[in-house]
Amino acid sequence: MQIIYYSYWSTYAAYLAAALHTGSYRGKSPSKGQIDRQWNLCKRYSQQFGNLLYIGLDDRHREVYALGCKRQGDMAKFALEGFVRIFTETEAVHLVKAGPLEGPIPFLIEGFYRFSKRKRILRLAFHFWMKRTYKKCKELVFNTRQGLDGE
C-alpha cells in the first residue's frame, strides 16, 4: 500500500505529515535541527509541483509519499486513483489531504522569499509555523493510521 499526503506545497504540511507517519519526526515538538533541515528542503523543492516525493516506509512497510499539487488536489487525487485502477489491481493507494493544515504562512514565505532581503524573518516565520502545525499534523497522522489499521 502507498500513502500519499498531498497539499498545495509538497514540502510544508504534506512533507511534515509524511515524515511524522514514517517516524522521522518524534516527540512533542520538532528539534531546531529538524526545522532547519525542513526549511532547506522547502527552499530547494517547494516550487516543484506534481513531483511525488518518496519519504520512506512506515512500521507496517507501507510506502509514504508527499505531493504538492497547487490548487489541483482533487484533480491529482482522481488521476492517481485512475492510474491505480488501470495499472494495478493488487496495490492500494490511500490519499490524505494535508492542505488545510498549511495556513497562510507558507504562502507568505514563498511569496516574499525571492524579493525579501530579510530572509531571517521568513525563517523565523517558518519556525513559528512548524511548531504550530506540528501538533495538527500529528493528529492527522494518528487518525490516518487508525483508519488504515482498522481496515
Protein backbone atom coordinates (compact mmCIF):
# COMPACT_ATOMS: atom_id res chain seq x y z
CA MET A 1 0.00 0.00 0.00
CA GLN A 2 1.10 3.53 -0.71
CA ILE A 3 0.07 6.51 1.37
CA ILE A 4 0.26 9.92 -0.27
CA TYR A 5 -0.07 13.12 1.76
CA TYR A 6 -0.90 15.99 -0.56
CA SER A 7 -1.30 19.74 -0.25
CA TYR A 8 -0.53 22.92 -2.15
CA TRP A 9 3.20 22.65 -1.35
CA SER A 10 4.80 19.22 -1.10
CA THR A 11 7.45 20.37 1.36
CA TYR A 12 5.30 22.02 4.03
CA ALA A 13 2.29 20.24 5.61
CA ALA A 14 2.37 17.23 3.26
CA TYR A 15 6.04 16.57 3.98
CA LEU A 16 5.62 17.17 7.71
CA ALA A 17 2.72 14.71 7.92
CA ALA A 18 4.58 12.12 5.81
CA ALA A 19 7.71 12.48 7.94
CA LEU A 20 5.64 12.04 11.10
CA HIS A 21 3.98 8.99 9.55
CA THR A 22 7.34 7.31 8.82
CA GLY A 23 8.71 8.16 12.26
CA SER A 24 11.30 10.66 11.02
CA TYR A 25 9.92 13.21 13.48
CA ARG A 26 9.18 12.12 17.02
CA GLY A 27 8.39 13.81 20.26
CA LYS A 28 6.11 16.62 21.30
CA SER A 29 7.77 19.19 19.07
CA PRO A 30 10.44 19.18 16.36
CA SER A 31 14.03 20.00 17.21
CA LYS A 32 15.72 23.11 15.83
CA GLY A 33 17.84 20.89 13.58
CA GLN A 34 14.77 19.20 12.14
CA ILE A 35 13.12 22.55 11.48
CA ASP A 36 16.27 23.85 9.77
CA ARG A 37 16.52 20.73 7.58
CA GLN A 38 12.89 21.08 6.51
CA TRP A 39 13.48 24.79 5.82
CA ASN A 40 16.33 23.82 3.47
CA LEU A 41 14.07 21.25 1.81
CA CYS A 42 11.39 23.91 1.32
CA LYS A 43 13.83 26.31 -0.27
CA ARG A 44 15.08 23.63 -2.65
CA TYR A 45 11.90 21.77 -3.70
CA SER A 46 8.80 23.78 -2.77
CA GLN A 47 8.19 25.07 -6.31
CA GLN A 48 8.25 21.58 -7.86
CA PHE A 49 4.56 20.82 -8.16
CA GLY A 50 3.39 17.40 -9.31
CA ASN A 51 6.53 15.58 -8.16
CA LEU A 52 5.87 12.66 -5.88
CA LEU A 53 8.47 12.81 -3.09
CA TYR A 54 9.27 9.44 -1.54
CA ILE A 55 9.59 9.91 2.22
CA GLY A 56 10.08 6.33 3.41
CA LEU A 57 8.40 3.25 4.85
CA ASP A 58 6.25 3.20 7.93
CA ASP A 59 6.35 0.47 10.59
CA ARG A 60 3.96 -1.70 8.52
CA HIS A 61 6.14 -1.40 5.40
CA ARG A 62 3.75 0.92 3.59
CA GLU A 63 5.37 3.44 1.24
CA VAL A 64 4.76 7.05 2.24
CA TYR A 65 4.95 9.99 -0.19
CA ALA A 66 4.36 13.75 -0.23
CA LEU A 67 2.82 15.51 -3.22
CA GLY A 68 2.45 19.20 -3.98
CA CYS A 69 -0.32 19.93 -6.44
CA LYS A 70 -1.18 23.63 -6.04
CA ARG A 71 -4.95 24.07 -6.08
CA GLN A 72 -5.43 20.93 -8.18
CA GLY A 73 -5.69 18.49 -5.25
CA ASP A 74 -8.95 16.92 -6.36
CA MET A 75 -7.69 16.50 -9.91
CA ALA A 76 -4.46 14.88 -8.67
CA LYS A 77 -6.49 12.58 -6.43
CA PHE A 78 -8.74 11.45 -9.29
CA ALA A 79 -5.75 10.96 -11.61
CA LEU A 80 -3.84 8.84 -9.08
CA GLU A 81 -6.89 6.74 -8.28
CA GLY A 82 -7.46 6.23 -12.01
CA PHE A 83 -3.87 5.11 -12.57
CA VAL A 84 -4.19 2.63 -9.74
CA ARG A 85 -7.41 1.18 -11.20
CA ILE A 86 -5.91 0.91 -14.68
CA PHE A 87 -2.38 -0.33 -13.97
CA THR A 88 -2.61 -2.28 -10.71
CA GLU A 89 -5.34 -4.29 -9.12
CA THR A 90 -3.46 -5.50 -6.09
CA GLU A 91 -1.89 -2.32 -4.77
CA ALA A 92 -3.97 0.17 -2.81
CA VAL A 93 -3.25 3.89 -2.68
CA HIS A 94 -4.54 5.95 0.21
CA LEU A 95 -4.59 9.73 -0.36
CA VAL A 96 -4.60 12.07 2.64
CA LYS A 97 -5.31 15.78 2.24
CA ALA A 98 -2.88 17.80 4.34
CA GLY A 99 -3.58 21.15 2.68
CA PRO A 100 -5.95 22.59 5.30
CA LEU A 101 -3.13 22.39 7.85
CA GLU A 102 -0.82 24.71 5.94
CA GLY A 103 -2.50 28.04 6.58
CA PRO A 104 -1.23 31.34 5.18
CA ILE A 105 2.38 31.32 6.43
CA PRO A 106 3.86 29.07 3.70
CA PHE A 107 2.23 31.27 1.05
CA LEU A 108 3.75 34.38 2.61
CA ILE A 109 7.17 32.76 2.86
CA GLU A 110 7.13 31.58 -0.74
CA GLY A 111 5.73 34.89 -1.98
CA PHE A 112 8.29 37.09 -0.26
CA TYR A 113 11.38 34.86 -0.26
CA ARG A 114 12.67 35.81 -3.72
CA PHE A 115 12.19 39.54 -3.14
CA SER A 116 13.00 39.92 0.53
CA LYS A 117 16.37 40.97 1.86
CA ARG A 118 15.28 39.91 5.33
CA LYS A 119 15.27 36.15 4.87
CA ARG A 120 15.93 35.71 8.59
CA ILE A 121 12.42 36.98 9.37
CA LEU A 122 10.94 34.49 6.91
CA ARG A 123 12.98 31.71 8.50
CA LEU A 124 11.63 32.70 11.94
CA ALA A 125 8.11 32.67 10.49
CA PHE A 126 8.79 29.13 9.25
CA HIS A 127 9.96 28.07 12.74
CA PHE A 128 6.76 29.52 14.18
CA TRP A 129 4.64 27.74 11.52
CA MET A 130 6.38 24.41 12.06
CA LYS A 131 5.93 24.46 15.83
CA ARG A 132 2.27 25.46 15.46
CA THR A 133 1.45 22.94 12.73
CA TYR A 134 3.37 20.01 14.21
CA LYS A 135 0.61 19.03 16.65
CA LYS A 136 -2.09 19.27 13.97
CA CYS A 137 -0.07 17.06 11.63
CA LYS A 138 0.46 14.54 14.43
CA GLU A 139 -3.31 14.34 14.88
CA LEU A 140 -3.83 13.89 11.14
CA VAL A 141 -1.26 11.08 11.03
CA PHE A 142 -2.75 9.42 14.12
CA ASN A 143 -6.24 9.47 12.57
CA THR A 144 -4.89 8.20 9.25
CA ARG A 145 -3.03 5.34 10.93
CA GLN A 146 -6.13 4.43 12.95
CA GLY A 147 -8.21 4.32 9.80
CA LEU A 148 -5.67 2.25 7.89
CA ASP A 149 -5.02 -0.18 10.73
CA GLY A 150 -8.78 -0.62 11.21
CA GLU A 151 -9.30 -1.69 7.57
